Amino acid sequence: MITALYIATRGCYCDLPEVDPWDKDRDARQYRGSDPVVAHPPCERWGRYAGENLGQDDGCFEAALAAVRRCGGVLEHPEGSHAWRAFGIPIPPRTGGWIADGLGGWTCCVAQGNYGHRARKLTWLYYFGTNPPLPLDWRPCCKRVPGADEATGAERRRLIRTGVCQRLSHNQRAATPVEFRDLLIALARESQRRP
């Protein structure tokens, strides 16, 4: 069994027989089980626009990190998350590859666009388990920006800078693609496999 923490109600983790989903109503901060986890703690309070609310997430990230370190599994957060520095997790390079944190955990940067997302969506992962993590698709993700080829000058630069992600709805941006979900579940399973 895999436990999915902080997931969307009726999202892609629901209705999977091998997954115990913890959405907002179940309050993932209360998870005390021993099954490996896939954690998607809220990211709004850890991003560049958090302002004076930076880090004020009612302990969600801290609880997710503790669950991953206690049970094994993987935690995901947007690239650039201030939570990494706040909790002493090494900042991974954008070029791919896992780096160790010295506590038995590993971190990396991966593009969800290589796993089915409509945008590039760089994401940081933190993995903790009995084995080194699986290799991932480290290729640069080259999602095309609609309209950029036809635009010129400042408009072209703006389209490329803001990218595809800004043209998606909040739900489209936040959704976990099925292929990426399956990768995270595989990492959680791998975290418990004995060498």
Protein backbone atom coordinates (compact mmCIF):
# COMPACT_ATOMS: atom_id res chain seq x y z
CA MET A 1 0.00 0.00 0.00
CA ILE A 2 1.13 3.55 -0.79
CA THR A 3 -0.27 6.57 1.06
CA ALA A 4 -0.80 9.75 -0.99
CA LEU A 5 -0.77 12.86 1.22
CA TYR A 6 -2.20 16.31 0.43
CA ILE A 7 -3.88 15.21 -2.77
CA ALA A 8 -6.78 16.76 -4.65
CA THR A 9 -10.22 15.47 -3.74
CA ARG A 10 -11.38 13.29 -6.64
CA GLY A 11 -7.88 13.67 -8.16
CA CYS A 12 -5.70 11.17 -9.97
CA TYR A 13 -4.75 9.22 -6.80
CA CYS A 14 -8.35 8.46 -5.87
CA ASP A 15 -9.85 5.11 -6.83
CA LEU A 16 -6.48 3.36 -7.16
CA PRO A 17 -6.71 0.10 -5.20
CA GLU A 18 -3.08 0.25 -4.00
CA VAL A 19 -3.25 3.88 -2.79
CA ASP A 20 -4.68 5.29 0.44
CA PRO A 21 -5.58 8.91 -0.52
CA TRP A 22 -5.44 11.70 2.08
CA ASP A 23 -7.17 14.82 0.77
CA LYS A 24 -7.96 18.06 2.60
CA ASP A 25 -10.81 16.46 4.59
CA ARG A 26 -8.52 13.78 6.07
CA ASP A 27 -5.83 16.30 7.20
CA ALA A 28 -2.58 14.68 6.05
CA ARG A 29 -0.71 16.27 8.97
CA GLN A 30 -2.32 13.55 11.11
CA TYR A 31 -0.89 10.60 9.13
CA ARG A 32 0.82 8.23 11.58
CA GLY A 33 0.98 5.08 9.46
CA SER A 34 4.02 3.20 8.22
CA ASP A 35 3.26 2.80 4.51
CA PRO A 36 5.56 4.64 2.09
CA VAL A 37 4.18 8.01 1.03
CA VAL A 38 3.84 10.28 -1.96
CA ALA A 39 3.45 13.79 -0.54
CA HIS A 40 2.15 16.87 -2.34
CA PRO A 41 2.13 19.47 0.48
CA PRO A 42 0.56 22.85 -0.37
CA CYS A 43 3.09 25.13 -2.05
CA GLU A 44 1.42 28.57 -2.07
CA ARG A 45 3.11 29.69 1.18
CA TRP A 46 6.58 28.61 -0.01
CA GLY A 47 6.70 30.28 -3.42
CA ARG A 48 7.99 33.60 -4.71
CA TYR A 49 4.62 35.31 -4.21
CA ALA A 50 4.08 34.26 -0.58
CA GLY A 51 5.27 37.64 0.73
CA GLU A 52 4.84 38.08 4.48
CA ASN A 53 3.07 34.69 4.65
CA LEU A 54 6.20 32.80 3.58
CA GLY A 55 6.29 29.42 5.27
CA GLN A 56 2.98 29.83 7.12
CA ASP A 57 1.37 26.59 5.94
CA ASP A 58 0.15 25.32 9.34
CA GLY A 59 2.94 22.72 9.45
CA CYS A 60 1.95 20.92 6.24
CA PHE A 61 5.42 20.80 4.66
CA GLU A 62 7.09 19.85 7.95
CA ALA A 63 4.60 17.00 8.48
CA ALA A 64 5.03 15.78 4.89
CA LEU A 65 8.83 15.78 5.20
CA ALA A 66 8.63 13.93 8.53
CA ALA A 67 6.31 11.30 7.00
CA VAL A 68 8.66 10.74 4.04
CA ARG A 69 11.68 10.42 6.34
CA ARG A 70 9.80 8.10 8.75
CA CYS A 71 8.08 5.84 6.18
CA GLY A 72 10.08 6.27 2.97
CA GLY A 73 8.74 7.72 -0.22
CA VAL A 74 8.85 10.98 -2.12
CA LEU A 75 7.77 14.60 -1.62
CA GLU A 76 7.25 17.03 -4.52
CA HIS A 77 7.25 20.84 -4.56
CA PRO A 78 7.67 23.46 -7.28
CA GLU A 79 11.19 24.34 -8.39
CA GLY A 80 12.39 27.32 -6.36
CA SER A 81 10.40 26.38 -3.23
CA HIS A 82 11.71 28.23 -0.17
CA ALA A 83 10.89 25.12 1.90
CA TRP A 84 14.09 23.45 0.70
CA ARG A 85 16.31 26.06 2.38
CA ALA A 86 14.05 26.35 5.43
CA PHE A 87 14.38 22.60 6.11
CA GLY A 88 18.03 22.23 5.07
CA ILE A 89 17.40 20.22 1.91
CA PRO A 90 20.14 20.75 -0.71
CA ILE A 91 19.06 22.76 -3.75
CA PRO A 92 19.20 20.42 -6.77
CA PRO A 93 20.68 21.49 -10.10
CA ARG A 94 18.32 22.04 -13.04
CA THR A 95 20.55 19.81 -15.15
CA GLY A 96 19.24 16.60 -13.58
CA GLY A 97 20.63 13.91 -11.34
CA TRP A 98 20.06 13.09 -7.70
CA ILE A 99 22.11 14.68 -4.93
CA ALA A 100 22.31 13.31 -1.38
CA ASP A 101 21.32 15.34 1.69
CA GLY A 102 23.59 13.53 4.17
CA LEU A 103 20.61 12.17 6.13
CA GLY A 104 19.69 9.31 3.77
CA GLY A 105 17.57 11.45 1.46
CA TRP A 106 18.04 12.51 -2.15
CA THR A 107 16.81 15.53 -4.07
CA CYS A 108 16.52 16.41 -7.75
CA CYS A 109 14.88 18.75 -10.24
CA VAL A 110 12.70 17.20 -12.94
CA ALA A 111 10.38 18.61 -15.61
CA GLN A 112 6.82 17.33 -15.31
CA GLY A 113 6.50 18.18 -19.01
CA ASN A 114 8.57 15.04 -19.67
CA TYR A 115 5.88 13.09 -17.82
CA GLY A 116 2.70 14.37 -19.47
CA HIS A 117 2.17 17.90 -18.11
CA ARG A 118 1.13 20.47 -20.71
CA ALA A 119 3.81 22.89 -19.44
CA ARG A 120 7.48 22.37 -18.60
CA LYS A 121 6.70 22.70 -14.85
CA LEU A 122 10.04 22.21 -13.15
CA THR A 123 9.56 20.32 -9.89
CA TRP A 124 11.83 19.47 -6.98
CA LEU A 125 11.60 15.97 -5.51
CA TYR A 126 12.84 14.74 -2.14
CA TYR A 127 13.23 10.96 -1.90
CA PHE A 128 13.99 8.90 1.20
CA GLY A 129 14.37 5.13 1.17
CA THR A 130 16.42 2.00 1.58
CA ASN A 131 17.69 2.19 -2.01
CA PRO A 132 19.15 5.00 -4.07
CA PRO A 133 16.35 6.53 -6.16
CA LEU A 134 15.48 5.41 -9.67
CA PRO A 135 16.97 7.33 -12.59
CA LEU A 136 14.52 9.82 -14.12
CA ASP A 137 14.06 11.51 -17.49
CA TRP A 138 16.61 14.31 -17.17
CA ARG A 139 16.24 15.59 -20.75
CA PRO A 140 15.46 19.30 -21.09
CA CYS A 141 11.75 19.77 -21.64
CA CYS A 142 11.02 21.93 -24.68
CA LYS A 143 7.30 22.66 -24.49
CA ARG A 144 6.43 25.11 -27.25
CA VAL A 145 4.84 28.41 -26.25
CA PRO A 146 1.68 29.04 -28.30
CA GLY A 147 2.01 32.23 -30.35
CA ALA A 148 5.73 32.77 -29.70
CA ASP A 149 6.77 31.82 -33.24
CA GLU A 150 4.47 34.45 -34.75
CA ALA A 151 5.24 37.23 -32.26
CA THR A 152 8.16 39.64 -32.48
CA GLY A 153 10.16 41.87 -30.16
CA ALA A 154 8.90 42.52 -26.64
CA GLU A 155 5.75 40.42 -27.12
CA ARG A 156 7.81 37.38 -28.15
CA ARG A 157 10.13 37.82 -25.13
CA ARG A 158 7.10 38.12 -22.79
CA LEU A 159 5.47 34.99 -24.22
CA ILE A 160 8.67 32.98 -23.84
CA ARG A 161 9.37 34.32 -20.32
CA THR A 162 5.89 33.54 -18.99
CA GLY A 163 5.67 30.26 -20.89
CA VAL A 164 2.83 27.81 -21.34
CA CYS A 165 2.07 27.59 -17.61
CA GLN A 166 0.58 31.09 -17.49
CA ARG A 167 -1.92 30.14 -20.20
CA LEU A 168 -3.32 27.24 -18.20
CA SER A 169 -6.06 27.44 -15.61
CA HIS A 170 -5.18 27.02 -11.93
CA ASN A 171 -6.54 23.45 -12.01
CA GLN A 172 -4.58 22.60 -15.18
CA ARG A 173 -1.36 23.96 -13.66
CA ALA A 174 -1.87 22.16 -10.34
CA ALA A 175 -2.97 18.79 -11.76
CA THR A 176 -0.56 15.87 -11.47
CA PRO A 177 -0.33 14.05 -14.82
CA VAL A 178 -1.05 10.31 -14.62
CA GLU A 179 2.43 9.46 -15.94
CA PHE A 180 4.05 11.63 -13.24
CA ARG A 181 1.76 10.15 -10.56
CA ASP A 182 2.85 6.66 -11.64
CA LEU A 183 6.52 7.71 -11.40
CA LEU A 184 6.00 9.03 -7.85
CA ILE A 185 4.20 5.83 -6.83
CA ALA A 186 7.09 3.77 -8.28
CA LEU A 187 9.58 5.86 -6.29
CA ALA A 188 7.56 5.31 -3.10
CA ARG A 189 7.48 1.56 -3.74
CA GLU A 190 11.23 1.52 -4.46
CA SER A 191 11.89 3.30 -1.15
CA GLN A 192 10.86 0.15 0.76
CA ARG A 193 12.61 -2.46 -1.42
CA ARG A 194 15.60 -4.02 0.30
CA PRO A 195 18.89 -3.96 -1.65
